[in-house]
Amino acid sequence: MDDDATLPPHPPTTPTGEPAPAPGARTATDPHVVASDVLANLRDVGGRRTADGRTVRRGVALRSAELRAPAIAADPAIAALGVRTVVDLRTAAERAAAPDVLPAGARGVHADVLTQDPQAPAADLTELMAHPQRLEQALAALDPAARMRETYVDLVVGDAARAGWATLLRHVLDPAAGPVLYHCTAGKDRTGWATTVLLLAAGVDLDGVRAEYLAVNPTVRAMYGPLLHRFADAGGDPALLVPLLEVRAEYLDTALDAMVDRFGSFDGYLTHGLGLADDEVTALRAALVD
């Protein structure tokens, strides 16, 4: 387990025992967090500097965990974001278990990026929450970190994944569709790669991309703290779960390496991998950058 994998003691839960949304506020340490009492891991992708000194535009693309709370539909802070499109990156099973509660005025779009591997760890966190007592034997036979790396390769090269990312990017570059909010379950793996693609398309360098990717760890650890406590109470070793419940630089590097190995470059990924035309790539950057 990484040295920075320490979890806060007994983070808050809802009356049903589910992880409570982690309220956020834009602060000097993380100005990308958007305050919300009803939607966990809500962040504005904008605000980062590009390699050529420009700034990624705020209020164009937002990321979050799943839209589970009924209060989302009428929450004034969410309404103030003006979201027009919500892109759900989850599997059909995840959506059936917890359908999106859409903000007022928003329409939903489904872009399942794990159709080819619905049992990937990134798609199985809801099941983990429901049955922590069943995990010890399965995890003992699995290298969780290696399984996560495999999932990240699938998120880059898989047919369903590439179609899903193209769907997301085409909504972001469409002025009539934005602002766009996209999410998976916890808002860390599928959502993390989607954010990486958007920031690279905007011209943010790898340091900035990695900073955003890793920035969700404090919130994600708080969200899944109750799961680790329940797993420990059932006699399990929480260290076995940690690789599934956080983001790591090695996961992102695995995805970036797979992108270069398969498509040669990020530009090749956009055009040959995701099928974007040159004018769409230009429109995407124009939508993202001031």
Foldseek 3Di string as FASTA:
>chain_A
DDPPLDFDPPFDDDPVLAFFADADDQDPVHNQHQGDRQFHPKGWLWADAFPVGFTWDTLLEIEGAAQAGLCQQPDPSNVVSVAAEEEEQADPVVCVVGPHNDHPNHDYHYQHLQPVPCPQLLRCVVVCQVCVLPCQVVLVVDDNLVSLLVVLLSCQQPPSNLQSLLVVLLLSLDPVRDSYYYYYHGRQRNVLVSSLLLSVLLRHDPVVSVCVNQVCFNRQSSSCVSSLVVNVVSVHDSVSCSSSRHDDPVSVVSNLVSNCVVQVDSVSCVCVVNPDDPVSSVSSNVSTTD
